[in-house]
C-alpha atoms as a PDB file:
ATOM      1  CA  ALA A   1       0.000   0.000   0.000  1.00  0.00           C
ATOM      2  CA  THR A   2       2.887   2.367   0.710  1.00  0.00           C
ATOM      3  CA  ILE A   3       4.204   1.968  -2.832  1.00  0.00           C
ATOM      4  CA  ASN A   4       0.806   2.845  -4.279  1.00  0.00           C
ATOM      5  CA  ASN A   5       0.561   5.956  -2.103  1.00  0.00           C
ATOM      6  CA  GLU A   6       4.038   7.080  -3.176  1.00  0.00           C
ATOM      7  CA  HIS A   7       3.167   6.436  -6.805  1.00  0.00           C
ATOM      8  CA  SER A   8      -0.108   8.336  -6.449  1.00  0.00           C
ATOM      9  CA  SER A   9       1.718  11.200  -4.766  1.00  0.00           C
ATOM     10  CA  ASN A  10       4.303  11.394  -7.586  1.00  0.00           C
ATOM     11  CA  VAL A  11       1.590  11.265 -10.245  1.00  0.00           C
ATOM     12  CA  MET A  12      -0.292  14.045  -8.444  1.00  0.00           C
ATOM     13  CA  LYS A  13       2.860  16.201  -8.222  1.00  0.00           C
ATOM     14  CA  LYS A  14       3.488  15.731 -11.941  1.00  0.00           C
ATOM     15  CA  LEU A  15      -0.117  16.660 -12.776  1.00  0.00           C
ATOM     16  CA  ILE A  16       0.091  19.763 -10.609  1.00  0.00           C
ATOM     17  CA  THR A  17       3.382  20.757 -12.238  1.00  0.00           C
ATOM     18  CA  ILE A  18       1.944  20.268 -15.721  1.00  0.00           C
ATOM     19  CA  THR A  19      -1.146  22.290 -14.792  1.00  0.00           C
ATOM     20  CA  VAL A  20       0.953  25.144 -13.394  1.00  0.00           C
ATOM     21  CA  VAL A  21       3.214  25.230 -16.462  1.00  0.00           C
ATOM     22  CA  ALA A  22       0.195  25.167 -18.805  1.00  0.00           C
ATOM     23  CA  SER A  23      -1.427  27.996 -16.823  1.00  0.00           C
ATOM     24  CA  VAL A  24       1.712  30.132 -16.987  1.00  0.00           C
ATOM     25  CA  LEU A  25       2.034  29.541 -20.721  1.00  0.00           C
ATOM     26  CA  ALA A  26      -1.624  30.416 -21.260  1.00  0.00           C
ATOM     27  CA  ALA A  27      -1.228  33.575 -19.174  1.00  0.00           C
ATOM     28  CA  GLY A  28       1.805  34.564 -21.258  1.00  0.00           C
ATOM     29  CA  THR A  29      -0.238  34.117 -24.416  1.00  0.00           C
ATOM     30  CA  LEU A  30      -3.022  36.232 -22.958  1.00  0.00           C
ATOM     31  CA  LEU A  31      -0.554  38.955 -22.006  1.00  0.00           C
ATOM     32  CA  ALA A  32       0.806  39.056 -25.551  1.00  0.00           C
ATOM     33  CA  ALA A  33      -2.704  39.284 -26.988  1.00  0.00           C
ATOM     34  CA  ASP A  34      -3.668  41.919 -24.419  1.00  0.00           C
ATOM     35  CA  ALA A  35      -0.513  43.900 -25.195  1.00  0.00           C
ATOM     36  CA  LYS A  36      -1.455  44.063 -28.881  1.00  0.00           C
ATOM     37  CA  VAL A  37      -4.978  45.206 -27.991  1.00  0.00           C
ATOM     38  CA  ILE A  38      -3.580  47.887 -25.674  1.00  0.00           C
ATOM     39  CA  TYR A  39      -0.990  48.948 -28.251  1.00  0.00           C
ATOM     40  CA  ASP A  40      -3.633  49.120 -30.979  1.00  0.00           C
ATOM     41  CA  LYS A  41      -5.867  51.256 -28.756  1.00  0.00           C
ATOM     42  CA  GLU A  42      -3.289  53.494 -27.083  1.00  0.00           C
ATOM     43  CA  CYS A  43      -0.234  53.707 -29.332  1.00  0.00           C
ATOM     44  CA  THR A  44      -1.085  53.382 -33.020  1.00  0.00           C
ATOM     45  CA  LYS A  45      -2.243  56.972 -33.486  1.00  0.00           C
ATOM     46  CA  CYS A  46       1.381  58.081 -33.222  1.00  0.00           C
ATOM     47  CA  HIS A  47       3.505  54.949 -33.499  1.00  0.00           C
ATOM     48  CA  GLY A  48       1.458  53.207 -36.205  1.00  0.00           C
ATOM     49  CA  ALA A  49       0.213  49.629 -36.222  1.00  0.00           C
ATOM     50  CA  ASP A  50       3.619  48.533 -37.571  1.00  0.00           C
ATOM     51  CA  GLY A  51       5.686  50.559 -35.080  1.00  0.00           C
ATOM     52  CA  LYS A  52       7.307  52.740 -37.745  1.00  0.00           C
ATOM     53  CA  GLY A  53       5.914  56.019 -36.399  1.00  0.00           C
ATOM     54  CA  ASP A  54       4.904  56.872 -39.948  1.00  0.00           C
ATOM     55  CA  THR A  55       1.584  58.511 -39.035  1.00  0.00           C
ATOM     56  CA  LYS A  56       0.521  62.145 -39.273  1.00  0.00           C
ATOM     57  CA  MET A  57       0.785  62.565 -35.497  1.00  0.00           C
ATOM     58  CA  GLY A  58       3.926  60.414 -35.298  1.00  0.00           C
ATOM     59  CA  LYS A  59       5.703  62.578 -37.868  1.00  0.00           C
ATOM     60  CA  LYS A  60       4.576  65.759 -36.101  1.00  0.00           C
ATOM     61  CA  LEU A  61       5.906  64.567 -32.729  1.00  0.00           C
ATOM     62  CA  GLY A  62       9.007  62.754 -34.025  1.00  0.00           C
ATOM     63  CA  ALA A  63       7.951  59.211 -33.106  1.00  0.00           C
ATOM     64  CA  LYS A  64      10.788  56.723 -33.487  1.00  0.00           C
ATOM     65  CA  ASP A  65      10.810  53.852 -35.992  1.00  0.00           C
ATOM     66  CA  TYR A  66      10.684  50.757 -33.761  1.00  0.00           C
ATOM     67  CA  THR A  67      11.370  48.464 -36.714  1.00  0.00           C
ATOM     68  CA  ASP A  68      14.915  49.871 -36.774  1.00  0.00           C
ATOM     69  CA  PRO A  69      17.278  47.678 -34.692  1.00  0.00           C
ATOM     70  CA  LYS A  70      19.436  50.752 -33.880  1.00  0.00           C
ATOM     71  CA  VAL A  71      16.418  52.588 -32.467  1.00  0.00           C
ATOM     72  CA  GLN A  72      15.417  49.510 -30.478  1.00  0.00           C
ATOM     73  CA  ALA A  73      18.960  49.162 -29.089  1.00  0.00           C
ATOM     74  CA  ALA A  74      18.979  52.815 -28.013  1.00  0.00           C
ATOM     75  CA  VAL A  75      15.761  52.468 -25.976  1.00  0.00           C
ATOM     76  CA  THR A  76      16.022  50.444 -22.786  1.00  0.00           C
ATOM     77  CA  ASP A  77      13.012  48.593 -21.424  1.00  0.00           C
ATOM     78  CA  ALA A  78      13.197  50.847 -18.340  1.00  0.00           C
ATOM     79  CA  ALA A  79      13.110  54.012 -20.470  1.00  0.00           C
ATOM     80  CA  ALA A  80      10.203  52.703 -22.566  1.00  0.00           C
ATOM     81  CA  PHE A  81       8.340  51.706 -19.386  1.00  0.00           C
ATOM     82  CA  LYS A  82       8.919  55.156 -17.865  1.00  0.00           C
ATOM     83  CA  ALA A  83       7.773  56.942 -21.044  1.00  0.00           C
ATOM     84  CA  ILE A  84       4.558  54.919 -21.159  1.00  0.00           C
ATOM     85  CA  LYS A  85       3.859  55.324 -17.445  1.00  0.00           C
ATOM     86  CA  GLU A  86       4.939  58.947 -16.943  1.00  0.00           C
ATOM     87  CA  GLY A  87       4.759  60.404 -20.448  1.00  0.00           C
ATOM     88  CA  LEU A  88       7.525  62.032 -22.439  1.00  0.00           C
ATOM     89  CA  LYS A  89       8.484  65.690 -22.870  1.00  0.00           C
ATOM     90  CA  ASP A  90      11.034  67.359 -25.112  1.00  0.00           C
ATOM     91  CA  LYS A  91      13.857  69.581 -23.815  1.00  0.00           C
ATOM     92  CA  GLU A  92      11.557  72.621 -23.796  1.00  0.00           C
ATOM     93  CA  GLY A  93       8.967  70.797 -21.702  1.00  0.00           C
ATOM     94  CA  LYS A  94       6.490  70.243 -24.534  1.00  0.00           C
ATOM     95  CA  THR A  95       4.515  67.031 -24.101  1.00  0.00           C
ATOM     96  CA  LEU A  96       5.416  64.525 -26.797  1.00  0.00           C
ATOM     97  CA  MET A  97       3.558  61.619 -25.221  1.00  0.00           C
ATOM     98  CA  LYS A  98       0.950  61.731 -22.492  1.00  0.00           C
ATOM     99  CA  PRO A  99       1.255  59.325 -19.570  1.00  0.00           C
ATOM    100  CA  THR A 100      -1.061  56.361 -19.639  1.00  0.00           C
ATOM    101  CA  GLU A 101      -3.711  56.398 -16.986  1.00  0.00           C
ATOM    102  CA  GLY A 102      -4.949  53.342 -15.168  1.00  0.00           C
ATOM    103  CA  MET A 103      -2.608  50.913 -16.925  1.00  0.00           C
ATOM    104  CA  ALA A 104      -1.126  48.253 -14.648  1.00  0.00           C
ATOM    105  CA  ASP A 105       2.660  47.882 -14.580  1.00  0.00           C
ATOM    106  CA  ALA A 106       2.316  44.334 -15.947  1.00  0.00           C
ATOM    107  CA  ASP A 107       0.388  45.695 -18.950  1.00  0.00           C
ATOM    108  CA  ILE A 108       3.034  48.358 -19.556  1.00  0.00           C
ATOM    109  CA  LYS A 109       5.748  45.685 -19.480  1.00  0.00           C
ATOM    110  CA  ALA A 110       3.702  43.606 -21.923  1.00  0.00           C
ATOM    111  CA  VAL A 111       3.357  46.593 -24.277  1.00  0.00           C
ATOM    112  CA  VAL A 112       7.129  47.183 -24.134  1.00  0.00           C
ATOM    113  CA  ALA A 113       7.682  43.500 -24.972  1.00  0.00           C
ATOM    114  CA  TYR A 114       5.174  43.816 -27.830  1.00  0.00           C
ATOM    115  CA  MET A 115       7.003  46.903 -29.130  1.00  0.00           C
ATOM    116  CA  ARG A 116      10.173  44.788 -29.256  1.00  0.00           C
ATOM    117  CA  THR A 117       8.492  42.480 -31.805  1.00  0.00           C
ATOM    118  CA  PHE A 118       8.611  45.272 -34.419  1.00  0.00           C
ATOM    119  CA  LYS A 119      12.401  45.056 -34.742  1.00  0.00           C
ATOM    120  CA  LYS A 120      13.418  43.751 -38.164  1.00  0.00           C
END
């Protein structure tokens, strides 16, 4: 009977591990999908659906081309996070990008990760 209990316990641990891993993977997929939805809603007006910044507003405000590997390398995740959370101003104090309101830090991180997918 002891062997059966040990076997049952090991099987249960494996099932729990598999369930946890599957849940984490599913959550990661949801975050990626959510990030695209957020990006499409909040960012495309200036940055464009493709991340090139080739929109009327993007050109006016000097939005960067996030398909360019050099541009991507010059922007740290921390700087992108801060710009999304707190907004961005030029040297004269003119607002280039308004801060996002009510966006959770996890969503901001997901949007930054989504922005990284534009790099060619």
